[in-house]
Amino acid sequence: MIRAVLDPGMLVAALLSSQGAPAQLVRLLVKGCFQLVLSPKLLEETERILKRPKFRDHVNPEEVQDYLAFLVRWGELVPDPPESPGLCPDPGDDYLVALARASRARVLVSGDRHLLGLSHPEPPVLTPRAFLELLESLGPQA
């Protein structure tokens, strides 16, 4: 099964809107179409984003906790990898690339322009739409 790291922005988008590629990916996760890789730092950042004042009208603290528990239930929680500075132009994204590498994820899924702009990233960084297309091309054996 294909292993993937979804960045916190994708996880937030999937909760806030049932439309769009991030939400489709979460539905495919539940169907067993891929293995979501999570780490404590990724979950903490997702929680921090969801608790921002601008999202208070969209999700309450209980919904945030329920969503994080849902992700842990359906994902694979792995330890945070050692810090790897200098992997990305935005130092805040270094941990995502390090997590994807350490967990042997096949892809890192993001809408972040810094991550998408990396030249020859390993593993590749895909938009959510591109990851959906990859999963579709692989079929049920993904």
C-alpha atoms as a PDB file:
ATOM      1  CA  MET A   1       0.000   0.000   0.000  1.00  0.00           C
ATOM      2  CA  ILE A   2       1.268   3.454  -0.860  1.00  0.00           C
ATOM      3  CA  ARG A   3       2.411   5.493   2.135  1.00  0.00           C
ATOM      4  CA  ALA A   4       1.870   9.253   2.151  1.00  0.00           C
ATOM      5  CA  VAL A   5       2.457  12.225   4.402  1.00  0.00           C
ATOM      6  CA  LEU A   6      -0.220  14.911   4.069  1.00  0.00           C
ATOM      7  CA  ASP A   7       0.930  18.275   5.327  1.00  0.00           C
ATOM      8  CA  PRO A   8      -1.125  20.032   8.022  1.00  0.00           C
ATOM      9  CA  GLY A   9      -2.660  22.392   5.468  1.00  0.00           C
ATOM     10  CA  MET A  10      -4.152  19.426   3.636  1.00  0.00           C
ATOM     11  CA  LEU A  11      -5.496  17.914   6.852  1.00  0.00           C
ATOM     12  CA  VAL A  12      -7.046  21.244   7.858  1.00  0.00           C
ATOM     13  CA  ALA A  13      -8.600  21.755   4.421  1.00  0.00           C
ATOM     14  CA  ALA A  14     -10.125  18.271   4.532  1.00  0.00           C
ATOM     15  CA  LEU A  15     -11.887  19.065   7.810  1.00  0.00           C
ATOM     16  CA  LEU A  16     -13.071  22.540   6.872  1.00  0.00           C
ATOM     17  CA  SER A  17     -14.567  21.592   3.510  1.00  0.00           C
ATOM     18  CA  SER A  18     -16.130  18.328   2.408  1.00  0.00           C
ATOM     19  CA  GLN A  19     -15.470  19.399  -1.180  1.00  0.00           C
ATOM     20  CA  GLY A  20     -12.112  19.367  -2.902  1.00  0.00           C
ATOM     21  CA  ALA A  21      -9.167  17.056  -3.206  1.00  0.00           C
ATOM     22  CA  PRO A  22      -8.066  17.021   0.475  1.00  0.00           C
ATOM     23  CA  ALA A  23     -11.511  15.807   1.580  1.00  0.00           C
ATOM     24  CA  GLN A  24     -11.498  13.216  -1.204  1.00  0.00           C
ATOM     25  CA  LEU A  25      -8.157  11.952   0.073  1.00  0.00           C
ATOM     26  CA  VAL A  26      -9.527  11.518   3.592  1.00  0.00           C
ATOM     27  CA  ARG A  27     -12.438   9.516   2.174  1.00  0.00           C
ATOM     28  CA  LEU A  28      -9.964   7.319   0.260  1.00  0.00           C
ATOM     29  CA  LEU A  29      -7.947   6.887   3.447  1.00  0.00           C
ATOM     30  CA  VAL A  30     -10.977   5.364   5.163  1.00  0.00           C
ATOM     31  CA  LYS A  31     -11.474   3.065   2.169  1.00  0.00           C
ATOM     32  CA  GLY A  32      -7.919   1.796   2.617  1.00  0.00           C
ATOM     33  CA  CYS A  33      -6.564   3.244  -0.618  1.00  0.00           C
ATOM     34  CA  PHE A  34      -3.371   4.532   1.005  1.00  0.00           C
ATOM     35  CA  GLN A  35      -1.568   4.627   4.349  1.00  0.00           C
ATOM     36  CA  LEU A  36      -1.449   8.041   6.012  1.00  0.00           C
ATOM     37  CA  VAL A  37       1.769   8.643   7.958  1.00  0.00           C
ATOM     38  CA  LEU A  38       1.523  10.947  10.977  1.00  0.00           C
ATOM     39  CA  SER A  39       3.904  12.136  13.672  1.00  0.00           C
ATOM     40  CA  PRO A  40       3.359  13.990  16.934  1.00  0.00           C
ATOM     41  CA  LYS A  41       4.750  17.220  15.438  1.00  0.00           C
ATOM     42  CA  LEU A  42       2.472  16.997  12.387  1.00  0.00           C
ATOM     43  CA  LEU A  43      -0.559  16.437  14.634  1.00  0.00           C
ATOM     44  CA  GLU A  44       0.466  19.309  16.932  1.00  0.00           C
ATOM     45  CA  GLU A  45       0.785  21.695  13.992  1.00  0.00           C
ATOM     46  CA  THR A  46      -2.578  20.579  12.612  1.00  0.00           C
ATOM     47  CA  GLU A  47      -4.163  21.197  16.005  1.00  0.00           C
ATOM     48  CA  ARG A  48      -2.470  24.587  16.358  1.00  0.00           C
ATOM     49  CA  ILE A  49      -3.777  25.701  12.966  1.00  0.00           C
ATOM     50  CA  LEU A  50      -7.315  24.499  13.679  1.00  0.00           C
ATOM     51  CA  LYS A  51      -7.358  26.422  16.971  1.00  0.00           C
ATOM     52  CA  ARG A  52      -6.577  29.755  15.300  1.00  0.00           C
ATOM     53  CA  PRO A  53      -9.234  32.417  15.894  1.00  0.00           C
ATOM     54  CA  LYS A  54     -10.198  32.509  12.208  1.00  0.00           C
ATOM     55  CA  PHE A  55     -11.386  28.885  12.407  1.00  0.00           C
ATOM     56  CA  ARG A  56     -13.404  29.189  15.631  1.00  0.00           C
ATOM     57  CA  ASP A  57     -16.617  29.753  13.671  1.00  0.00           C
ATOM     58  CA  HIS A  58     -15.977  26.568  11.674  1.00  0.00           C
ATOM     59  CA  VAL A  59     -14.814  24.044  14.280  1.00  0.00           C
ATOM     60  CA  ASN A  60     -15.003  23.906  18.043  1.00  0.00           C
ATOM     61  CA  PRO A  61     -12.306  22.428  20.311  1.00  0.00           C
ATOM     62  CA  GLU A  62     -14.199  19.142  20.696  1.00  0.00           C
ATOM     63  CA  GLU A  63     -14.439  18.719  16.916  1.00  0.00           C
ATOM     64  CA  VAL A  64     -10.708  19.385  16.632  1.00  0.00           C
ATOM     65  CA  GLN A  65      -9.928  16.664  19.192  1.00  0.00           C
ATOM     66  CA  ASP A  66     -12.334  14.233  17.506  1.00  0.00           C
ATOM     67  CA  TYR A  67     -10.697  14.888  14.137  1.00  0.00           C
ATOM     68  CA  LEU A  68      -7.191  14.343  15.518  1.00  0.00           C
ATOM     69  CA  ALA A  69      -8.350  11.065  17.100  1.00  0.00           C
ATOM     70  CA  PHE A  70      -9.879  10.076  13.746  1.00  0.00           C
ATOM     71  CA  LEU A  71      -6.559  10.735  11.989  1.00  0.00           C
ATOM     72  CA  VAL A  72      -4.643   8.666  14.540  1.00  0.00           C
ATOM     73  CA  ARG A  73      -7.173   5.854  14.179  1.00  0.00           C
ATOM     74  CA  TRP A  74      -6.860   5.733  10.393  1.00  0.00           C
ATOM     75  CA  GLY A  75      -3.217   6.749  10.065  1.00  0.00           C
ATOM     76  CA  GLU A  76       0.074   5.311  11.214  1.00  0.00           C
ATOM     77  CA  LEU A  77       1.629   7.333  14.017  1.00  0.00           C
ATOM     78  CA  VAL A  78       5.419   7.221  13.862  1.00  0.00           C
ATOM     79  CA  PRO A  79       7.986   9.025  16.027  1.00  0.00           C
ATOM     80  CA  ASP A  80       9.147  12.455  14.956  1.00  0.00           C
ATOM     81  CA  PRO A  81      12.334  12.055  12.925  1.00  0.00           C
ATOM     82  CA  PRO A  82      15.554  13.780  13.982  1.00  0.00           C
ATOM     83  CA  GLU A  83      15.697  17.432  12.968  1.00  0.00           C
ATOM     84  CA  SER A  84      17.089  17.915   9.478  1.00  0.00           C
ATOM     85  CA  PRO A  85      17.705  21.622   8.888  1.00  0.00           C
ATOM     86  CA  GLY A  86      18.205  22.947   5.386  1.00  0.00           C
ATOM     87  CA  LEU A  87      15.910  20.568   3.510  1.00  0.00           C
ATOM     88  CA  CYS A  88      13.494  23.344   2.468  1.00  0.00           C
ATOM     89  CA  PRO A  89      13.588  27.086   1.821  1.00  0.00           C
ATOM     90  CA  ASP A  90      11.070  27.432   4.676  1.00  0.00           C
ATOM     91  CA  PRO A  91      12.698  25.893   7.776  1.00  0.00           C
ATOM     92  CA  GLY A  92       9.222  25.183   9.160  1.00  0.00           C
ATOM     93  CA  ASP A  93       8.738  22.600   6.417  1.00  0.00           C
ATOM     94  CA  ASP A  94      11.962  20.657   7.052  1.00  0.00           C
ATOM     95  CA  TYR A  95      10.235  18.255   9.435  1.00  0.00           C
ATOM     96  CA  LEU A  96       7.701  17.236   6.775  1.00  0.00           C
ATOM     97  CA  VAL A  97      10.386  16.198   4.296  1.00  0.00           C
ATOM     98  CA  ALA A  98      12.321  14.474   7.096  1.00  0.00           C
ATOM     99  CA  LEU A  99       9.156  12.643   8.180  1.00  0.00           C
ATOM    100  CA  ALA A 100       8.379  11.519   4.635  1.00  0.00           C
ATOM    101  CA  ARG A 101      11.924  10.237   4.192  1.00  0.00           C
ATOM    102  CA  ALA A 102      12.237   8.549   7.584  1.00  0.00           C
ATOM    103  CA  SER A 103       8.865   6.813   7.257  1.00  0.00           C
ATOM    104  CA  ARG A 104       9.603   5.695   3.701  1.00  0.00           C
ATOM    105  CA  ALA A 105       6.533   7.501   2.409  1.00  0.00           C
ATOM    106  CA  ARG A 106       6.206   7.364  -1.336  1.00  0.00           C
ATOM    107  CA  VAL A 107       4.893  10.936  -1.526  1.00  0.00           C
ATOM    108  CA  LEU A 108       4.481  14.125   0.455  1.00  0.00           C
ATOM    109  CA  VAL A 109       1.166  15.813  -0.359  1.00  0.00           C
ATOM    110  CA  SER A 110       1.033  19.580  -0.044  1.00  0.00           C
ATOM    111  CA  GLY A 111      -0.293  22.780  -1.494  1.00  0.00           C
ATOM    112  CA  ASP A 112       2.644  24.736  -0.061  1.00  0.00           C
ATOM    113  CA  ARG A 113       4.525  26.562  -2.810  1.00  0.00           C
ATOM    114  CA  HIS A 114       7.862  26.136  -1.008  1.00  0.00           C
ATOM    115  CA  LEU A 115       7.456  22.370  -0.896  1.00  0.00           C
ATOM    116  CA  LEU A 116       6.032  22.118  -4.406  1.00  0.00           C
ATOM    117  CA  GLY A 117       8.920  24.254  -5.679  1.00  0.00           C
ATOM    118  CA  LEU A 118      11.659  21.944  -4.409  1.00  0.00           C
ATOM    119  CA  SER A 119      13.855  20.683  -7.220  1.00  0.00           C
ATOM    120  CA  HIS A 120      14.111  16.895  -7.256  1.00  0.00           C
ATOM    121  CA  PRO A 121      12.577  16.275  -3.824  1.00  0.00           C
ATOM    122  CA  GLU A 122      12.789  12.812  -2.358  1.00  0.00           C
ATOM    123  CA  PRO A 123      10.125  11.647  -1.947  1.00  0.00           C
ATOM    124  CA  PRO A 124       8.234  13.653  -4.561  1.00  0.00           C
ATOM    125  CA  VAL A 125       5.922  16.437  -3.411  1.00  0.00           C
ATOM    126  CA  LEU A 126       2.510  16.230  -5.066  1.00  0.00           C
ATOM    127  CA  THR A 127      -0.542  18.442  -4.989  1.00  0.00           C
ATOM    128  CA  PRO A 128      -3.635  16.736  -3.594  1.00  0.00           C
ATOM    129  CA  ARG A 129      -5.082  16.535  -7.111  1.00  0.00           C
ATOM    130  CA  ALA A 130      -1.906  14.894  -8.453  1.00  0.00           C
ATOM    131  CA  PHE A 131      -1.967  12.386  -5.587  1.00  0.00           C
ATOM    132  CA  LEU A 132      -5.598  11.551  -6.388  1.00  0.00           C
ATOM    133  CA  GLU A 133      -4.563  10.932  -9.994  1.00  0.00           C
ATOM    134  CA  LEU A 134      -1.683   8.718  -8.850  1.00  0.00           C
ATOM    135  CA  LEU A 135      -4.001   6.659  -6.645  1.00  0.00           C
ATOM    136  CA  GLU A 136      -6.465   6.314  -9.509  1.00  0.00           C
ATOM    137  CA  SER A 137      -3.713   5.166 -11.886  1.00  0.00           C
ATOM    138  CA  LEU A 138      -2.543   2.534  -9.394  1.00  0.00           C
ATOM    139  CA  GLY A 139      -6.029   1.149  -8.873  1.00  0.00           C
ATOM    140  CA  PRO A 140      -7.115  -0.907  -5.869  1.00  0.00           C
ATOM    141  CA  GLN A 141      -3.681  -2.447  -5.359  1.00  0.00           C
ATOM    142  CA  ALA A 142      -2.180   0.951  -4.387  1.00  0.00           C
END
